[in-house]
Amino acid sequence: MGGIIDVVYDPKDLSNVETPGQMTSGRVALPAAVVSGLVLAFSLLMLFFGA
């Protein structure tokens, strides 16, 4: 309370406001989900079909 924070906003759409920490979260989420899915699939293949 009473602190100062930086915000990033679109001057044409003032309802779209984020803090700098939130800006990258969407860009990282999809690649992280894809990599996690691939690791899970590989792990399951190794578990059931063994190497």
Protein backbone atom coordinates (compact mmCIF):
# COMPACT_ATOMS: atom_id res chain seq x y z
CA MET A 1 0.00 0.00 0.00
CA GLY A 2 1.40 3.34 -0.98
CA GLY A 3 4.15 1.84 -3.17
CA ILE A 4 5.03 2.64 -6.75
CA ILE A 5 4.80 0.03 -9.51
CA ASP A 6 5.51 0.15 -13.22
CA VAL A 7 2.68 -0.67 -15.60
CA VAL A 8 2.58 -1.28 -19.33
CA TYR A 9 -0.58 -0.28 -21.17
CA ASP A 10 -1.99 0.34 -24.60
CA PRO A 11 -2.98 4.03 -24.84
CA LYS A 12 -5.72 3.08 -27.32
CA ASP A 13 -7.18 0.42 -24.98
CA LEU A 14 -6.84 1.41 -21.34
CA SER A 15 -8.50 -1.81 -20.18
CA ASN A 16 -5.40 -3.75 -21.26
CA VAL A 17 -2.93 -3.04 -18.42
CA GLU A 18 -0.16 -5.34 -17.16
CA THR A 19 2.88 -5.14 -14.95
CA PRO A 20 6.23 -5.87 -16.65
CA GLY A 21 6.42 -9.27 -14.88
CA GLN A 22 3.13 -10.36 -16.47
CA MET A 23 4.14 -9.44 -20.02
CA THR A 24 6.29 -12.50 -20.71
CA SER A 25 4.07 -15.07 -19.02
CA GLY A 26 1.95 -15.67 -22.12
CA ARG A 27 4.95 -16.06 -24.41
CA VAL A 28 6.55 -18.69 -22.23
CA ALA A 29 3.42 -20.71 -21.36
CA LEU A 30 2.84 -22.42 -24.73
CA PRO A 31 6.44 -23.55 -25.33
CA ALA A 32 6.69 -24.75 -21.72
CA ALA A 33 3.48 -26.77 -22.11
CA VAL A 34 4.70 -28.32 -25.38
CA VAL A 35 8.08 -29.28 -23.92
CA SER A 36 6.41 -30.71 -20.80
CA GLY A 37 4.05 -32.77 -22.95
CA LEU A 38 6.91 -34.14 -25.03
CA VAL A 39 8.88 -35.10 -21.92
CA LEU A 40 5.80 -36.82 -20.47
CA ALA A 41 5.14 -38.72 -23.72
CA PHE A 42 8.78 -39.84 -23.93
CA SER A 43 8.74 -40.94 -20.28
CA LEU A 44 5.57 -42.97 -20.78
CA LEU A 45 7.01 -44.63 -23.89
CA MET A 46 10.13 -45.60 -21.97
CA LEU A 47 8.06 -46.85 -19.05
CA PHE A 48 5.80 -49.12 -21.12
CA PHE A 49 8.14 -50.18 -23.93
CA GLY A 50 11.45 -49.94 -22.04
CA ALA A 51 14.81 -49.46 -23.57
